[in-house]
């Protein structure tokens, strides 16, 4: 079983600087908890600056090819819009 995950950093506020908007990361994996731990430990260079990450949405699909197609669709539309369009209450 493959999983699609939407991870988010939430809002990040630093001192008197305004809060940065939430940053979303969408990816597919067969081990979501392991993947989340890797992102939060700073092991993945592309998500290192966004720690801590939290799981916002997890979708399960039957195989990797379906996961890859769904990941592409979500990234093309944008994670927030995809969730709103499909009424996936988060």
C-alpha atoms as a PDB file:
ATOM      1  CA  UNK A   1       0.000   0.000   0.000  1.00  0.00           C
ATOM      2  CA  UNK A   2       1.403   3.371  -1.026  1.00  0.00           C
ATOM      3  CA  UNK A   3       0.559   6.609   0.723  1.00  0.00           C
ATOM      4  CA  UNK A   4       0.392  10.226  -0.362  1.00  0.00           C
ATOM      5  CA  UNK A   5       1.244  12.699   2.354  1.00  0.00           C
ATOM      6  CA  UNK A   6       0.763  16.417   2.689  1.00  0.00           C
ATOM      7  CA  UNK A   7       3.139  17.779   5.297  1.00  0.00           C
ATOM      8  CA  UNK A   8       3.029  21.332   6.540  1.00  0.00           C
ATOM      9  CA  UNK A   9       5.303  23.517   8.642  1.00  0.00           C
ATOM     10  CA  UNK A  10       2.412  25.693   9.786  1.00  0.00           C
ATOM     11  CA  UNK A  11       3.141  29.352  10.466  1.00  0.00           C
ATOM     12  CA  UNK A  12       6.620  30.343  11.540  1.00  0.00           C
ATOM     13  CA  UNK A  13       7.035  33.578  13.468  1.00  0.00           C
ATOM     14  CA  UNK A  14      10.395  35.018  14.447  1.00  0.00           C
ATOM     15  CA  UNK A  15      10.647  37.994  16.782  1.00  0.00           C
ATOM     16  CA  UNK A  16       9.138  41.127  15.286  1.00  0.00           C
ATOM     17  CA  UNK A  17       9.122  39.648  11.760  1.00  0.00           C
ATOM     18  CA  UNK A  18       5.693  38.838  10.361  1.00  0.00           C
ATOM     19  CA  UNK A  19       4.630  35.190  10.250  1.00  0.00           C
ATOM     20  CA  UNK A  20       5.552  33.316   7.132  1.00  0.00           C
ATOM     21  CA  UNK A  21       2.712  31.464   5.481  1.00  0.00           C
ATOM     22  CA  UNK A  22       2.470  27.716   5.817  1.00  0.00           C
ATOM     23  CA  UNK A  23       4.737  25.672   3.572  1.00  0.00           C
ATOM     24  CA  UNK A  24       3.364  22.432   2.162  1.00  0.00           C
ATOM     25  CA  UNK A  25       5.280  19.383   1.028  1.00  0.00           C
ATOM     26  CA  UNK A  26       3.595  16.611  -0.940  1.00  0.00           C
ATOM     27  CA  UNK A  27       5.238  13.243  -1.416  1.00  0.00           C
ATOM     28  CA  UNK A  28       4.544   9.541  -1.815  1.00  0.00           C
ATOM     29  CA  UNK A  29       5.968   6.757   0.296  1.00  0.00           C
ATOM     30  CA  UNK A  30       5.199   3.294   1.628  1.00  0.00           C
ATOM     31  CA  UNK A  31       6.294   4.259   5.163  1.00  0.00           C
ATOM     32  CA  UNK A  32       4.800   7.573   6.237  1.00  0.00           C
ATOM     33  CA  UNK A  33       6.037   7.615   9.845  1.00  0.00           C
ATOM     34  CA  UNK A  34       9.611   6.838   8.819  1.00  0.00           C
ATOM     35  CA  UNK A  35       9.443   9.530   6.126  1.00  0.00           C
ATOM     36  CA  UNK A  36       8.090  12.112   8.575  1.00  0.00           C
ATOM     37  CA  UNK A  37      10.889  11.347  11.049  1.00  0.00           C
ATOM     38  CA  UNK A  38      13.517  11.783   8.311  1.00  0.00           C
ATOM     39  CA  UNK A  39      12.088  15.181   7.377  1.00  0.00           C
ATOM     40  CA  UNK A  40      11.942  16.340  11.002  1.00  0.00           C
ATOM     41  CA  UNK A  41      15.506  15.184  11.729  1.00  0.00           C
ATOM     42  CA  UNK A  42      16.776  17.338   8.867  1.00  0.00           C
ATOM     43  CA  UNK A  43      18.081  14.361   6.889  1.00  0.00           C
ATOM     44  CA  UNK A  44      16.302  15.438   3.679  1.00  0.00           C
ATOM     45  CA  UNK A  45      18.066  18.540   2.259  1.00  0.00           C
ATOM     46  CA  UNK A  46      14.992  19.883   0.427  1.00  0.00           C
ATOM     47  CA  UNK A  47      12.859  19.989   3.598  1.00  0.00           C
ATOM     48  CA  UNK A  48      15.551  20.673   6.183  1.00  0.00           C
ATOM     49  CA  UNK A  49      14.715  24.369   6.552  1.00  0.00           C
ATOM     50  CA  UNK A  50      11.019  23.709   7.191  1.00  0.00           C
ATOM     51  CA  UNK A  51      11.269  21.652  10.382  1.00  0.00           C
ATOM     52  CA  UNK A  52       9.230  20.757  12.295  1.00  0.00           C
ATOM     53  CA  UNK A  53       6.834  19.169   9.808  1.00  0.00           C
ATOM     54  CA  UNK A  54       3.437  17.786  10.719  1.00  0.00           C
ATOM     55  CA  UNK A  55       1.210  15.397   8.815  1.00  0.00           C
ATOM     56  CA  UNK A  56      -1.853  17.233   7.501  1.00  0.00           C
ATOM     57  CA  UNK A  57      -3.349  14.666   5.140  1.00  0.00           C
ATOM     58  CA  UNK A  58      -2.649  11.044   4.272  1.00  0.00           C
ATOM     59  CA  UNK A  59      -4.281   9.231   1.365  1.00  0.00           C
ATOM     60  CA  UNK A  60      -3.805   5.542   0.620  1.00  0.00           C
ATOM     61  CA  UNK A  61      -3.758   4.137  -2.893  1.00  0.00           C
ATOM     62  CA  UNK A  62      -3.283   0.629  -4.238  1.00  0.00           C
ATOM     63  CA  UNK A  63       0.184   0.886  -5.803  1.00  0.00           C
ATOM     64  CA  UNK A  64       3.163   3.136  -6.480  1.00  0.00           C
ATOM     65  CA  UNK A  65       2.116   4.107 -10.006  1.00  0.00           C
ATOM     66  CA  UNK A  66      -1.250   5.335  -8.724  1.00  0.00           C
ATOM     67  CA  UNK A  67       0.557   7.208  -5.928  1.00  0.00           C
ATOM     68  CA  UNK A  68       2.865   8.915  -8.411  1.00  0.00           C
ATOM     69  CA  UNK A  69      -0.058  10.008 -10.605  1.00  0.00           C
ATOM     70  CA  UNK A  70      -1.953  11.391  -7.610  1.00  0.00           C
ATOM     71  CA  UNK A  71       1.158  13.176  -6.317  1.00  0.00           C
ATOM     72  CA  UNK A  72       1.601  14.860  -9.714  1.00  0.00           C
ATOM     73  CA  UNK A  73      -2.066  15.879  -9.770  1.00  0.00           C
ATOM     74  CA  UNK A  74      -1.858  17.375  -6.263  1.00  0.00           C
ATOM     75  CA  UNK A  75       1.346  19.276  -7.015  1.00  0.00           C
ATOM     76  CA  UNK A  76      -0.097  20.639 -10.266  1.00  0.00           C
ATOM     77  CA  UNK A  77      -3.215  21.952  -8.523  1.00  0.00           C
ATOM     78  CA  UNK A  78      -1.511  22.944  -5.268  1.00  0.00           C
ATOM     79  CA  UNK A  79      -2.021  21.065  -2.005  1.00  0.00           C
ATOM     80  CA  UNK A  80      -4.375  23.586  -0.390  1.00  0.00           C
ATOM     81  CA  UNK A  81      -6.574  23.876  -3.483  1.00  0.00           C
ATOM     82  CA  UNK A  82      -6.622  20.104  -3.989  1.00  0.00           C
ATOM     83  CA  UNK A  83      -7.848  19.615  -0.418  1.00  0.00           C
ATOM     84  CA  UNK A  84     -10.518  22.318  -0.807  1.00  0.00           C
ATOM     85  CA  UNK A  85     -11.645  21.094  -4.242  1.00  0.00           C
ATOM     86  CA  UNK A  86     -12.087  17.540  -2.978  1.00  0.00           C
ATOM     87  CA  UNK A  87     -13.646  18.607   0.331  1.00  0.00           C
ATOM     88  CA  UNK A  88     -11.067  16.671   2.325  1.00  0.00           C
ATOM     89  CA  UNK A  89     -11.667  18.187   5.759  1.00  0.00           C
ATOM     90  CA  UNK A  90      -8.349  19.002   7.349  1.00  0.00           C
END
